[in-house]
C-alpha cells in the first residue's frame, strides 16, 4: 500500500469553500419611492416588508414600546407597523395634499 502524502493536496480543503468577495451593501442609494412588492396569497394582494429603517429613539420609549408589544403578544416590528399605518390613515389629507403639491397620483 502506498504511503499517503499531503504535500500537494490538503484534505481539509474538501470541506471548505473558497473565499468569494461579498458584495458591499454598506451604501444603498436612496431610490425615493419604489413600487410596492406584492405577494398574492389566497387572491389577496399582500405587501412584503422589504424596507429597512434605522431609528434613534429614547431608551425609555423603546422599553415602554417593547413592554406593550410583549403584552399584546406581537413583535416590536409588527406593532410598530400597525402604529405607523394607523397614523398614516389619520393623516390621509396630508398625503393627498402632498400628492397634489408634488404631482404624484
Protein backbone atom coordinates (compact mmCIF):
# COMPACT_ATOMS: atom_id res chain seq x y z
CA UNK A 1 0.00 0.00 0.00
CA UNK A 2 1.28 3.44 -0.93
CA UNK A 3 2.12 5.93 1.76
CA UNK A 4 -0.20 9.00 1.94
CA UNK A 5 1.32 12.36 1.22
CA UNK A 6 -0.29 15.75 1.87
CA UNK A 7 2.27 17.92 0.10
CA UNK A 8 0.08 18.65 -2.95
CA UNK A 9 -3.47 18.47 -1.60
CA UNK A 10 -4.81 19.47 1.78
CA UNK A 11 -7.72 17.14 2.66
CA UNK A 12 -9.36 19.82 4.80
CA UNK A 13 -9.92 21.90 1.66
CA UNK A 14 -12.59 19.40 0.56
CA UNK A 15 -14.78 20.73 3.38
CA UNK A 16 -14.05 24.45 2.91
CA UNK A 17 -15.47 26.72 0.29
CA UNK A 18 -13.24 29.22 -1.41
CA UNK A 19 -13.48 32.80 -0.28
CA UNK A 20 -15.66 34.90 -2.54
CA UNK A 21 -15.63 38.65 -2.08
CA UNK A 22 -19.00 39.73 -0.73
CA UNK A 23 -20.99 42.49 -2.34
CA UNK A 24 -20.61 45.76 -0.46
CA UNK A 25 -24.05 46.61 0.90
CA UNK A 26 -22.97 49.37 3.27
CA UNK A 27 -24.28 52.07 0.91
CA UNK A 28 -27.66 51.81 -0.70
CA UNK A 29 -28.65 54.82 -2.79
CA UNK A 30 -31.99 56.38 -1.93
CA UNK A 31 -34.32 55.44 -4.75
CA UNK A 32 -37.08 57.64 -3.32
CA UNK A 33 -40.34 55.75 -3.56
CA UNK A 34 -40.40 52.43 -5.34
CA UNK A 35 -43.37 50.33 -6.28
CA UNK A 36 -44.64 48.03 -3.57
CA UNK A 37 -43.59 44.42 -3.82
CA UNK A 38 -46.83 42.49 -3.80
CA UNK A 39 -47.48 38.87 -2.96
CA UNK A 40 -50.78 37.23 -3.74
CA UNK A 41 -51.99 34.92 -1.01
CA UNK A 42 -55.45 33.41 -1.40
CA UNK A 43 -56.24 36.02 -4.05
CA UNK A 44 -55.44 38.93 -1.73
CA UNK A 45 -52.54 41.21 -2.56
CA UNK A 46 -50.15 41.48 0.38
CA UNK A 47 -47.22 43.80 0.66
CA UNK A 48 -43.81 42.45 1.64
CA UNK A 49 -41.91 44.17 4.42
CA UNK A 50 -38.76 44.93 2.47
CA UNK A 51 -37.69 48.41 3.56
CA UNK A 52 -35.23 48.70 6.40
CA UNK A 53 -35.10 51.73 8.68
CA UNK A 54 -32.71 52.65 11.45
CA UNK A 55 -34.38 54.57 14.23
CA UNK A 56 -32.86 56.56 17.02
CA UNK A 57 -35.35 56.78 19.86
CA UNK A 58 -35.18 57.47 23.54
CA UNK A 59 -34.38 54.38 25.63
CA UNK A 60 -37.49 54.85 27.77
CA UNK A 61 -39.72 54.97 24.67
CA UNK A 62 -38.08 51.80 23.35
CA UNK A 63 -38.52 49.99 26.67
CA UNK A 64 -42.17 51.01 27.04
CA UNK A 65 -42.98 50.11 23.42
CA UNK A 66 -41.29 46.73 23.88
CA UNK A 67 -43.37 46.10 27.01
CA UNK A 68 -46.58 46.95 25.12
CA UNK A 69 -45.61 44.67 22.23
CA UNK A 70 -44.85 41.86 24.68
CA UNK A 71 -48.19 42.22 26.46
CA UNK A 72 -50.05 42.34 23.12
CA UNK A 73 -48.11 39.20 22.05
CA UNK A 74 -46.79 40.95 18.95
CA UNK A 75 -43.29 41.59 17.75
CA UNK A 76 -41.82 45.06 18.10
CA UNK A 77 -41.74 45.34 14.30
CA UNK A 78 -45.34 44.18 13.83
CA UNK A 79 -46.69 46.59 16.43
CA UNK A 80 -44.58 49.42 15.03
CA UNK A 81 -46.00 48.80 11.53
CA UNK A 82 -49.55 48.81 12.96
CA UNK A 83 -48.99 52.12 14.78
CA UNK A 84 -47.47 53.73 11.67
CA UNK A 85 -50.35 52.52 9.46
CA UNK A 86 -52.88 53.98 11.90
CA UNK A 87 -51.03 57.31 11.89
CA UNK A 88 -50.93 57.33 8.08
CA UNK A 89 -54.69 56.67 7.97
CA UNK A 90 -55.28 59.65 10.28
CA UNK A 91 -53.06 61.86 8.09
CA UNK A 92 -54.71 60.88 4.77
CA UNK A 93 -55.45 64.53 3.96
CA UNK A 94 -51.78 65.43 4.37
CA UNK A 95 -50.83 62.69 1.89
CA UNK A 96 -53.45 63.91 -0.59
CA UNK A 97 -52.12 67.47 -0.22
CA UNK A 98 -48.57 66.22 -0.79
CA UNK A 99 -49.64 64.32 -3.92
CA UNK A 100 -51.44 67.39 -5.25
CA UNK A 101 -48.48 69.68 -4.48
CA UNK A 102 -45.78 67.44 -5.91
CA UNK A 103 -47.81 65.89 -8.73
CA UNK A 104 -47.92 62.29 -7.57
CA UNK A 105 -51.02 60.22 -8.05
